[in-house]
C-alpha atoms as a PDB file:
ATOM      1  CA  UNK A   1       8.546  19.680   3.259  1.00  0.00           C
ATOM      2  CA  UNK A   2      11.325  18.210   1.774  1.00  0.00           C
ATOM      3  CA  UNK A   3      12.257  14.510   2.575  1.00  0.00           C
ATOM      4  CA  UNK A   4      15.323  12.810   3.175  1.00  0.00           C
ATOM      5  CA  UNK A   5      16.113  10.641   0.480  1.00  0.00           C
ATOM      6  CA  UNK A   6      17.950   7.362   0.450  1.00  0.00           C
ATOM      7  CA  UNK A   7      19.054   4.254  -1.240  1.00  0.00           C
ATOM      8  CA  UNK A   8      19.130   1.339   1.035  1.00  0.00           C
ATOM      9  CA  UNK A   9      20.925  -2.215   0.883  1.00  0.00           C
ATOM     10  CA  UNK A  10      18.198  -4.808   2.023  1.00  0.00           C
ATOM     11  CA  UNK A  11      19.623  -7.982   2.658  1.00  0.00           C
ATOM     12  CA  UNK A  12      22.586  -8.021   0.431  1.00  0.00           C
ATOM     13  CA  UNK A  13      19.913  -8.738  -2.591  1.00  0.00           C
ATOM     14  CA  UNK A  14      18.455  -5.085  -3.276  1.00  0.00           C
ATOM     15  CA  UNK A  15      18.681  -1.903  -3.150  1.00  0.00           C
ATOM     16  CA  UNK A  16      15.510   0.006  -2.456  1.00  0.00           C
ATOM     17  CA  UNK A  17      15.139   4.041  -2.778  1.00  0.00           C
ATOM     18  CA  UNK A  18      13.277   5.626   0.242  1.00  0.00           C
ATOM     19  CA  UNK A  19      11.952   8.994   1.157  1.00  0.00           C
ATOM     20  CA  UNK A  20      11.552  10.004   5.356  1.00  0.00           C
ATOM     21  CA  UNK A  21       9.575  12.958   6.073  1.00  0.00           C
ATOM     22  CA  UNK A  22      11.024  13.983   9.416  1.00  0.00           C
ATOM     23  CA  UNK A  23       8.577  15.679  11.355  1.00  0.00           C
ATOM     24  CA  UNK A  24      10.691  16.829  14.950  1.00  0.00           C
ATOM     25  CA  UNK A  25       7.306  17.067  16.982  1.00  0.00           C
ATOM     26  CA  UNK A  26       5.767  13.608  15.686  1.00  0.00           C
ATOM     27  CA  UNK A  27       5.894  10.485  18.182  1.00  0.00           C
ATOM     28  CA  UNK A  28       5.279   8.041  15.594  1.00  0.00           C
ATOM     29  CA  UNK A  29       6.404   6.886  12.263  1.00  0.00           C
ATOM     30  CA  UNK A  30       4.204   5.521   9.463  1.00  0.00           C
ATOM     31  CA  UNK A  31       5.342   3.397   6.448  1.00  0.00           C
ATOM     32  CA  UNK A  32       3.154   3.891   3.085  1.00  0.00           C
ATOM     33  CA  UNK A  33       3.038   0.731   0.940  1.00  0.00           C
ATOM     34  CA  UNK A  34       2.534   1.387  -2.624  1.00  0.00           C
ATOM     35  CA  UNK A  35       0.012  -0.454  -4.881  1.00  0.00           C
ATOM     36  CA  UNK A  36       0.550  -2.293  -8.030  1.00  0.00           C
ATOM     37  CA  UNK A  37       2.810  -0.350 -11.010  1.00  0.00           C
ATOM     38  CA  UNK A  38       2.758   2.454  -8.498  1.00  0.00           C
ATOM     39  CA  UNK A  39       5.861   4.678  -6.809  1.00  0.00           C
ATOM     40  CA  UNK A  40       6.344   6.946  -3.988  1.00  0.00           C
ATOM     41  CA  UNK A  41       4.816  10.107  -6.258  1.00  0.00           C
ATOM     42  CA  UNK A  42       1.436   7.977  -5.773  1.00  0.00           C
ATOM     43  CA  UNK A  43       0.982   8.792  -2.050  1.00  0.00           C
ATOM     44  CA  UNK A  44       1.942  12.813  -2.842  1.00  0.00           C
ATOM     45  CA  UNK A  45      -1.870  13.558  -1.357  1.00  0.00           C
ATOM     46  CA  UNK A  46      -1.780  11.193   1.614  1.00  0.00           C
ATOM     47  CA  UNK A  47       1.458  12.769   2.635  1.00  0.00           C
ATOM     48  CA  UNK A  48      -0.200  16.050   2.951  1.00  0.00           C
ATOM     49  CA  UNK A  49      -2.393  15.245   5.723  1.00  0.00           C
ATOM     50  CA  UNK A  50      -0.492  12.440   7.603  1.00  0.00           C
ATOM     51  CA  UNK A  51       2.723  15.101   8.061  1.00  0.00           C
ATOM     52  CA  UNK A  52       3.464  16.566  10.407  1.00  0.00           C
ATOM     53  CA  UNK A  53       1.472  14.300  12.589  1.00  0.00           C
ATOM     54  CA  UNK A  54       3.734  11.472  11.855  1.00  0.00           C
ATOM     55  CA  UNK A  55       7.028  10.897  10.704  1.00  0.00           C
ATOM     56  CA  UNK A  56       6.271   9.386   7.154  1.00  0.00           C
ATOM     57  CA  UNK A  57       8.365   6.876   4.962  1.00  0.00           C
ATOM     58  CA  UNK A  58       7.729   6.104   1.504  1.00  0.00           C
ATOM     59  CA  UNK A  59       9.946   3.256  -0.671  1.00  0.00           C
ATOM     60  CA  UNK A  60       9.833   2.094  -4.154  1.00  0.00           C
ATOM     61  CA  UNK A  61      10.209  -1.841  -4.523  1.00  0.00           C
ATOM     62  CA  UNK A  62      13.311  -2.809  -6.535  1.00  0.00           C
ATOM     63  CA  UNK A  63      12.021  -3.180  -9.863  1.00  0.00           C
ATOM     64  CA  UNK A  64       9.684   0.252  -9.719  1.00  0.00           C
ATOM     65  CA  UNK A  65      10.313   4.151  -9.284  1.00  0.00           C
ATOM     66  CA  UNK A  66      13.945   5.277  -8.252  1.00  0.00           C
ATOM     67  CA  UNK A  67      14.471   1.980  -7.124  1.00  0.00           C
ATOM     68  CA  UNK A  68      14.813   0.711 -10.730  1.00  0.00           C
ATOM     69  CA  UNK A  69      18.161   2.007 -11.912  1.00  0.00           C
ATOM     70  CA  UNK A  70      20.020   0.234  -8.388  1.00  0.00           C
ATOM     71  CA  UNK A  71      18.736  -3.383  -9.310  1.00  0.00           C
ATOM     72  CA  UNK A  72      19.704  -5.643 -12.195  1.00  0.00           C
ATOM     73  CA  UNK A  73      15.606  -7.450 -12.608  1.00  0.00           C
ATOM     74  CA  UNK A  74      17.382 -10.717 -13.466  1.00  0.00           C
ATOM     75  CA  UNK A  75      14.327 -12.482 -11.514  1.00  0.00           C
ATOM     76  CA  UNK A  76      11.140 -11.848 -10.936  1.00  0.00           C
ATOM     77  CA  UNK A  77      10.079 -10.967  -7.051  1.00  0.00           C
ATOM     78  CA  UNK A  78       7.535 -12.777  -5.131  1.00  0.00           C
ATOM     79  CA  UNK A  79       5.245 -11.501  -2.427  1.00  0.00           C
ATOM     80  CA  UNK A  80       6.781 -12.832   0.346  1.00  0.00           C
ATOM     81  CA  UNK A  81      10.223 -11.195  -0.726  1.00  0.00           C
ATOM     82  CA  UNK A  82       8.526  -7.810  -1.011  1.00  0.00           C
ATOM     83  CA  UNK A  83       6.864  -8.300   2.532  1.00  0.00           C
ATOM     84  CA  UNK A  84      10.610  -9.251   3.723  1.00  0.00           C
ATOM     85  CA  UNK A  85      11.527  -5.882   2.008  1.00  0.00           C
ATOM     86  CA  UNK A  86       8.739  -4.298   4.122  1.00  0.00           C
ATOM     87  CA  UNK A  87       9.511  -5.912   6.944  1.00  0.00           C
ATOM     88  CA  UNK A  88      13.495  -4.248   6.965  1.00  0.00           C
ATOM     89  CA  UNK A  89      12.279  -1.016   6.351  1.00  0.00           C
ATOM     90  CA  UNK A  90       9.870  -1.217   9.004  1.00  0.00           C
ATOM     91  CA  UNK A  91      12.870  -1.846  11.655  1.00  0.00           C
ATOM     92  CA  UNK A  92      15.150   0.507   9.752  1.00  0.00           C
ATOM     93  CA  UNK A  93      13.063   3.313  10.276  1.00  0.00           C
ATOM     94  CA  UNK A  94      11.722   2.232  13.765  1.00  0.00           C
ATOM     95  CA  UNK A  95       7.991   2.439  12.169  1.00  0.00           C
ATOM     96  CA  UNK A  96       5.076   1.448  14.636  1.00  0.00           C
ATOM     97  CA  UNK A  97       2.385   2.175  12.083  1.00  0.00           C
ATOM     98  CA  UNK A  98       1.790   0.899   8.259  1.00  0.00           C
ATOM     99  CA  UNK A  99      -0.683   2.229   5.861  1.00  0.00           C
ATOM    100  CA  UNK A 100      -0.991   0.384   2.754  1.00  0.00           C
ATOM    101  CA  UNK A 101      -3.019   0.819  -1.064  1.00  0.00           C
ATOM    102  CA  UNK A 102      -4.552  -1.524  -3.220  1.00  0.00           C
ATOM    103  CA  UNK A 103      -2.455  -4.671  -3.715  1.00  0.00           C
ATOM    104  CA  UNK A 104      -0.033  -3.034  -1.342  1.00  0.00           C
ATOM    105  CA  UNK A 105      -2.250  -4.846   1.270  1.00  0.00           C
ATOM    106  CA  UNK A 106      -1.026  -8.183   0.279  1.00  0.00           C
ATOM    107  CA  UNK A 107       2.359  -7.491   1.202  1.00  0.00           C
ATOM    108  CA  UNK A 108       1.294  -5.852   4.126  1.00  0.00           C
ATOM    109  CA  UNK A 109      -1.059  -8.482   5.289  1.00  0.00           C
ATOM    110  CA  UNK A 110       1.613 -10.869   5.255  1.00  0.00           C
ATOM    111  CA  UNK A 111       3.791  -8.524   7.384  1.00  0.00           C
ATOM    112  CA  UNK A 112       1.184  -8.223  10.114  1.00  0.00           C
ATOM    113  CA  UNK A 113       0.707 -11.609  10.116  1.00  0.00           C
ATOM    114  CA  UNK A 114       4.390 -12.348  11.273  1.00  0.00           C
ATOM    115  CA  UNK A 115       3.198  -9.946  14.324  1.00  0.00           C
ATOM    116  CA  UNK A 116       6.149  -7.568  13.890  1.00  0.00           C
ATOM    117  CA  UNK A 117       7.334  -6.573  17.196  1.00  0.00           C
ATOM    118  CA  UNK A 118       7.309  -2.643  16.328  1.00  0.00           C
ATOM    119  CA  UNK A 119       3.713  -1.952  14.313  1.00  0.00           C
ATOM    120  CA  UNK A 120       0.937  -1.360  16.925  1.00  0.00           C
ATOM    121  CA  UNK A 121      -1.935  -0.025  14.248  1.00  0.00           C
ATOM    122  CA  UNK A 122      -2.525  -0.468  10.405  1.00  0.00           C
ATOM    123  CA  UNK A 123      -4.361   0.902   7.835  1.00  0.00           C
ATOM    124  CA  UNK A 124      -5.340  -1.119   4.706  1.00  0.00           C
ATOM    125  CA  UNK A 125      -7.105   1.207   1.719  1.00  0.00           C
ATOM    126  CA  UNK A 126      -8.947   0.091  -1.209  1.00  0.00           C
ATOM    127  CA  UNK A 127      -8.394  -3.777  -0.808  1.00  0.00           C
ATOM    128  CA  UNK A 128     -10.841  -6.656  -0.120  1.00  0.00           C
ATOM    129  CA  UNK A 129     -10.025 -10.186   0.336  1.00  0.00           C
ATOM    130  CA  UNK A 130     -11.928 -11.654  -2.421  1.00  0.00           C
ATOM    131  CA  UNK A 131     -11.676 -11.228  -6.182  1.00  0.00           C
ATOM    132  CA  UNK A 132     -14.969 -10.434  -7.529  1.00  0.00           C
ATOM    133  CA  UNK A 133     -16.070 -10.255 -11.116  1.00  0.00           C
ATOM    134  CA  UNK A 134     -15.459  -6.653 -11.737  1.00  0.00           C
ATOM    135  CA  UNK A 135     -11.689  -7.200 -10.336  1.00  0.00           C
ATOM    136  CA  UNK A 136     -11.321 -10.455 -12.131  1.00  0.00           C
ATOM    137  CA  UNK A 137     -12.225  -8.845 -15.431  1.00  0.00           C
ATOM    138  CA  UNK A 138      -9.905  -6.025 -14.718  1.00  0.00           C
ATOM    139  CA  UNK A 139      -7.038  -8.604 -13.842  1.00  0.00           C
ATOM    140  CA  UNK A 140      -7.416 -11.087 -16.863  1.00  0.00           C
ATOM    141  CA  UNK A 141      -7.514  -7.856 -19.399  1.00  0.00           C
ATOM    142  CA  UNK A 142      -4.365  -6.608 -17.687  1.00  0.00           C
ATOM    143  CA  UNK A 143      -2.578  -9.788 -18.074  1.00  0.00           C
ATOM    144  CA  UNK A 144      -3.108  -9.905 -21.847  1.00  0.00           C
ATOM    145  CA  UNK A 145      -1.928  -6.172 -22.742  1.00  0.00           C
ATOM    146  CA  UNK A 146       0.876  -6.489 -20.232  1.00  0.00           C
ATOM    147  CA  UNK A 147       1.736  -9.831 -21.906  1.00  0.00           C
ATOM    148  CA  UNK A 148       1.704  -8.521 -25.088  1.00  0.00           C
ATOM    149  CA  UNK A 149       3.259  -5.315 -23.799  1.00  0.00           C
ATOM    150  CA  UNK A 150       0.754  -3.263 -25.316  1.00  0.00           C
ATOM    151  CA  UNK A 151       1.433   0.238 -23.705  1.00  0.00           C
ATOM    152  CA  UNK A 152      -1.359   2.230 -24.762  1.00  0.00           C
ATOM    153  CA  UNK A 153      -3.904  -0.048 -23.933  1.00  0.00           C
ATOM    154  CA  UNK A 154      -2.679  -1.011 -20.109  1.00  0.00           C
ATOM    155  CA  UNK A 155      -2.913   2.890 -19.624  1.00  0.00           C
ATOM    156  CA  UNK A 156      -6.304   2.692 -21.255  1.00  0.00           C
ATOM    157  CA  UNK A 157      -7.484   0.186 -19.300  1.00  0.00           C
ATOM    158  CA  UNK A 158      -6.120   1.610 -15.712  1.00  0.00           C
ATOM    159  CA  UNK A 159      -7.990   4.940 -16.397  1.00  0.00           C
ATOM    160  CA  UNK A 160     -11.446   2.893 -17.651  1.00  0.00           C
ATOM    161  CA  UNK A 161     -11.641   0.673 -14.814  1.00  0.00           C
ATOM    162  CA  UNK A 162     -10.155   1.342 -11.293  1.00  0.00           C
ATOM    163  CA  UNK A 163      -9.008   5.124 -12.316  1.00  0.00           C
ATOM    164  CA  UNK A 164     -12.361   6.069 -13.852  1.00  0.00           C
ATOM    165  CA  UNK A 165     -13.284   8.400 -10.991  1.00  0.00           C
ATOM    166  CA  UNK A 166     -10.169  10.143 -11.137  1.00  0.00           C
ATOM    167  CA  UNK A 167      -9.870  13.681 -12.468  1.00  0.00           C
ATOM    168  CA  UNK A 168      -8.723  14.003 -16.006  1.00  0.00           C
ATOM    169  CA  UNK A 169      -5.266  15.432 -14.546  1.00  0.00           C
ATOM    170  CA  UNK A 170      -4.724  12.314 -12.868  1.00  0.00           C
ATOM    171  CA  UNK A 171      -5.765   9.758 -15.950  1.00  0.00           C
ATOM    172  CA  UNK A 172      -2.989  12.125 -17.943  1.00  0.00           C
ATOM    173  CA  UNK A 173      -0.688  10.806 -15.395  1.00  0.00           C
ATOM    174  CA  UNK A 174      -1.633   7.382 -15.121  1.00  0.00           C
ATOM    175  CA  UNK A 175      -1.589   6.978 -18.496  1.00  0.00           C
ATOM    176  CA  UNK A 176       2.085   8.880 -19.069  1.00  0.00           C
ATOM    177  CA  UNK A 177       3.671   6.811 -16.016  1.00  0.00           C
ATOM    178  CA  UNK A 178       1.906   3.175 -17.440  1.00  0.00           C
ATOM    179  CA  UNK A 179       2.705   3.627 -20.920  1.00  0.00           C
ATOM    180  CA  UNK A 180       6.634   4.550 -19.586  1.00  0.00           C
ATOM    181  CA  UNK A 181       7.020   1.017 -17.505  1.00  0.00           C
ATOM    182  CA  UNK A 182       9.697  -1.143 -18.425  1.00  0.00           C
ATOM    183  CA  UNK A 183       8.955  -4.509 -19.770  1.00  0.00           C
ATOM    184  CA  UNK A 184      10.178  -6.327 -16.544  1.00  0.00           C
ATOM    185  CA  UNK A 185       7.710  -4.080 -14.732  1.00  0.00           C
ATOM    186  CA  UNK A 186       4.698  -5.801 -16.985  1.00  0.00           C
ATOM    187  CA  UNK A 187       6.302  -9.158 -16.640  1.00  0.00           C
ATOM    188  CA  UNK A 188       6.500  -8.774 -12.711  1.00  0.00           C
ATOM    189  CA  UNK A 189       2.845  -7.467 -12.406  1.00  0.00           C
ATOM    190  CA  UNK A 190       1.899 -10.451 -14.695  1.00  0.00           C
ATOM    191  CA  UNK A 191       3.225 -12.655 -12.182  1.00  0.00           C
ATOM    192  CA  UNK A 192       1.884 -11.071  -9.252  1.00  0.00           C
ATOM    193  CA  UNK A 193      -1.642 -11.199 -11.023  1.00  0.00           C
ATOM    194  CA  UNK A 194      -1.234 -14.781 -12.279  1.00  0.00           C
ATOM    195  CA  UNK A 195      -0.658 -15.987  -8.138  1.00  0.00           C
ATOM    196  CA  UNK A 196      -4.084 -13.542  -7.473  1.00  0.00           C
ATOM    197  CA  UNK A 197      -5.783 -15.420  -9.748  1.00  0.00           C
ATOM    198  CA  UNK A 198      -4.599 -18.618  -8.627  1.00  0.00           C
ATOM    199  CA  UNK A 199      -4.675 -18.431  -5.022  1.00  0.00           C
ATOM    200  CA  UNK A 200      -3.873 -15.379  -3.221  1.00  0.00           C
ATOM    201  CA  UNK A 201      -7.199 -14.180  -2.827  1.00  0.00           C
ATOM    202  CA  UNK A 202      -7.585 -16.969  -0.381  1.00  0.00           C
ATOM    203  CA  UNK A 203      -4.185 -16.955   1.268  1.00  0.00           C
ATOM    204  CA  UNK A 204      -5.183 -13.436   2.229  1.00  0.00           C
ATOM    205  CA  UNK A 205      -7.209 -14.698   4.555  1.00  0.00           C
ATOM    206  CA  UNK A 206      -5.379 -16.602   6.085  1.00  0.00           C
ATOM    207  CA  UNK A 207      -3.067 -13.931   6.715  1.00  0.00           C
ATOM    208  CA  UNK A 208      -5.588 -11.911   8.117  1.00  0.00           C
ATOM    209  CA  UNK A 209      -6.462 -14.979  10.584  1.00  0.00           C
ATOM    210  CA  UNK A 210      -2.788 -14.438  12.257  1.00  0.00           C
ATOM    211  CA  UNK A 211      -3.046 -10.743  12.606  1.00  0.00           C
ATOM    212  CA  UNK A 212      -3.547  -8.953  16.548  1.00  0.00           C
ATOM    213  CA  UNK A 213      -3.000  -5.471  16.175  1.00  0.00           C
ATOM    214  CA  UNK A 214      -6.429  -3.149  15.656  1.00  0.00           C
ATOM    215  CA  UNK A 215      -6.702  -2.518  12.005  1.00  0.00           C
ATOM    216  CA  UNK A 216      -8.543   0.039   9.751  1.00  0.00           C
ATOM    217  CA  UNK A 217     -10.149  -0.841   6.242  1.00  0.00           C
ATOM    218  CA  UNK A 218     -11.266   1.770   4.219  1.00  0.00           C
ATOM    219  CA  UNK A 219     -12.953   1.629   0.845  1.00  0.00           C
ATOM    220  CA  UNK A 220     -14.610   3.891  -1.512  1.00  0.00           C
ATOM    221  CA  UNK A 221     -18.336   3.940  -1.981  1.00  0.00           C
ATOM    222  CA  UNK A 222     -18.352   3.773  -5.688  1.00  0.00           C
ATOM    223  CA  UNK A 223     -15.273   1.239  -5.471  1.00  0.00           C
ATOM    224  CA  UNK A 224     -16.969  -1.717  -7.408  1.00  0.00           C
ATOM    225  CA  UNK A 225     -13.313  -3.483  -7.382  1.00  0.00           C
ATOM    226  CA  UNK A 226     -12.764  -3.530  -3.896  1.00  0.00           C
ATOM    227  CA  UNK A 227     -16.022  -3.000  -2.542  1.00  0.00           C
ATOM    228  CA  UNK A 228     -16.761  -1.977   0.968  1.00  0.00           C
ATOM    229  CA  UNK A 229     -18.909  -5.401   1.163  1.00  0.00           C
ATOM    230  CA  UNK A 230     -16.423  -7.188   0.576  1.00  0.00           C
ATOM    231  CA  UNK A 231     -13.754  -5.416   2.688  1.00  0.00           C
ATOM    232  CA  UNK A 232     -15.957  -6.294   5.533  1.00  0.00           C
ATOM    233  CA  UNK A 233     -15.503 -10.120   5.087  1.00  0.00           C
ATOM    234  CA  UNK A 234     -12.242  -9.385   7.043  1.00  0.00           C
ATOM    235  CA  UNK A 235     -14.141  -9.040  10.100  1.00  0.00           C
ATOM    236  CA  UNK A 236     -14.435 -12.741  10.277  1.00  0.00           C
ATOM    237  CA  UNK A 237     -10.728 -12.840  10.871  1.00  0.00           C
ATOM    238  CA  UNK A 238      -9.289  -9.836  12.114  1.00  0.00           C
ATOM    239  CA  UNK A 239     -10.611  -9.265  16.070  1.00  0.00           C
ATOM    240  CA  UNK A 240      -9.672  -5.930  16.073  1.00  0.00           C
ATOM    241  CA  UNK A 241     -11.089  -4.413  12.561  1.00  0.00           C
ATOM    242  CA  UNK A 242     -12.752  -1.449  11.865  1.00  0.00           C
ATOM    243  CA  UNK A 243     -14.487  -0.299   8.365  1.00  0.00           C
ATOM    244  CA  UNK A 244     -15.151   3.174   6.686  1.00  0.00           C
ATOM    245  CA  UNK A 245     -16.552   4.378   3.589  1.00  0.00           C
ATOM    246  CA  UNK A 246     -15.207   7.400   1.782  1.00  0.00           C
ATOM    247  CA  UNK A 247     -18.623   8.850   0.022  1.00  0.00           C
ATOM    248  CA  UNK A 248     -18.788   9.260  -3.671  1.00  0.00           C
ATOM    249  CA  UNK A 249     -15.203   7.923  -3.926  1.00  0.00           C
ATOM    250  CA  UNK A 250     -13.757   4.695  -6.210  1.00  0.00           C
ATOM    251  CA  UNK A 251     -10.646   2.759  -5.515  1.00  0.00           C
ATOM    252  CA  UNK A 252      -8.188   6.162  -5.402  1.00  0.00           C
ATOM    253  CA  UNK A 253     -10.082   7.678  -2.414  1.00  0.00           C
ATOM    254  CA  UNK A 254      -8.036  10.970  -1.701  1.00  0.00           C
ATOM    255  CA  UNK A 255      -6.821  11.329  -5.361  1.00  0.00           C
ATOM    256  CA  UNK A 256     -10.498  11.868  -6.618  1.00  0.00           C
ATOM    257  CA  UNK A 257     -11.879  14.782  -5.521  1.00  0.00           C
ATOM    258  CA  UNK A 258     -11.419  17.402  -2.689  1.00  0.00           C
ATOM    259  CA  UNK A 259     -14.611  16.233  -0.667  1.00  0.00           C
ATOM    260  CA  UNK A 260     -12.789  12.733  -0.852  1.00  0.00           C
ATOM    261  CA  UNK A 261      -9.576  13.870   0.110  1.00  0.00           C
ATOM    262  CA  UNK A 262     -11.286  15.725   3.204  1.00  0.00           C
ATOM    263  CA  UNK A 263     -13.004  12.950   4.091  1.00  0.00           C
ATOM    264  CA  UNK A 264      -9.938  10.454   3.781  1.00  0.00           C
ATOM    265  CA  UNK A 265      -7.980  12.840   5.887  1.00  0.00           C
ATOM    266  CA  UNK A 266     -10.109  12.827   8.564  1.00  0.00           C
ATOM    267  CA  UNK A 267     -10.997   9.094   8.881  1.00  0.00           C
ATOM    268  CA  UNK A 268      -7.236   8.054   8.651  1.00  0.00           C
ATOM    269  CA  UNK A 269      -5.857  10.604  11.277  1.00  0.00           C
ATOM    270  CA  UNK A 270      -9.232  10.328  13.568  1.00  0.00           C
ATOM    271  CA  UNK A 271      -8.136   6.362  13.408  1.00  0.00           C
ATOM    272  CA  UNK A 272      -4.486   6.605  13.345  1.00  0.00           C
ATOM    273  CA  UNK A 273      -4.488   9.454  16.638  1.00  0.00           C
ATOM    274  CA  UNK A 274      -6.510   7.326  18.765  1.00  0.00           C
ATOM    275  CA  UNK A 275      -4.862   6.983  22.227  1.00  0.00           C
ATOM    276  CA  UNK A 276      -2.858   3.951  22.128  1.00  0.00           C
ATOM    277  CA  UNK A 277      -3.572   1.019  24.712  1.00  0.00           C
ATOM    278  CA  UNK A 278      -1.560   0.319  27.881  1.00  0.00           C
ATOM    279  CA  UNK A 279       0.044  -2.850  25.956  1.00  0.00           C
ATOM    280  CA  UNK A 280       0.660  -0.903  22.399  1.00  0.00           C
ATOM    281  CA  UNK A 281       2.096   2.245  24.228  1.00  0.00           C
ATOM    282  CA  UNK A 282       4.204  -0.046  26.334  1.00  0.00           C
ATOM    283  CA  UNK A 283       5.482  -1.524  23.145  1.00  0.00           C
ATOM    284  CA  UNK A 284       6.835   1.950  21.551  1.00  0.00           C
ATOM    285  CA  UNK A 285       8.453   2.750  24.778  1.00  0.00           C
ATOM    286  CA  UNK A 286      10.447  -0.339  24.746  1.00  0.00           C
ATOM    287  CA  UNK A 287      11.192   0.234  21.268  1.00  0.00           C
ATOM    288  CA  UNK A 288      12.174   3.868  21.958  1.00  0.00           C
ATOM    289  CA  UNK A 289      14.160   2.988  24.764  1.00  0.00           C
ATOM    290  CA  UNK A 290      16.110  -0.093  22.904  1.00  0.00           C
ATOM    291  CA  UNK A 291      17.324   2.688  20.081  1.00  0.00           C
ATOM    292  CA  UNK A 292      18.429   5.192  22.610  1.00  0.00           C
ATOM    293  CA  UNK A 293      20.415   2.275  24.146  1.00  0.00           C
END
């Protein structure tokens, strides 16, 4: 299972590293959207069960992972620009499904609120529309250590909060990854965090209110940072929303232990593989015909 990798030019402004897992028998293509400070590697467990049921697209934002060396990092990116990149990748790979993790949900909701013609179904993992007290404390401390470029405490903070239910192997990986980040990556994350603290929690509600497609929200039973209860607030704004909880799992769901991996797999595939409505199927067929032409 080796992906096709490429670095794509996006709007003449950015170069984005992508991985495409092509499944010859798959009818649909799903794009996965990273959380903060994450790279394509963070979806290794998820790809294991989505492929070969779907063609799977992964990507690193311009300031992260294998995209970093291809960009100049002279200015900070807004969430709107990240949404623009996601939308262009959706078009390039003809994606009709999208799955996001954690703060990748912000850009994903922005894209879905624009009602892209291709996307017919979405899954939002480990995200909620509000910043609760636990998340607020994590974010405020995160800004403090990242502004100081305190790499050691940045790694300890991640593993002691949203990553506390991860096995030791993943904690070591997280610590190594976070402590090796460039200064501009910390600056970029601080920029996003401060926007969230100031207003983006409210703006996510306005994004959600514009979404028309079916959506599934998945949160861990033990996740005190993006809780099941908080995620259910989306039901007021997303007409075709469903909610699932992963038993005895925290923020990182399928990465935390085997039972959580199995339940997350069954939950996501059970939802994503439901038959499309007549309208959804018509949209997919129109796009397939347009690509063939």
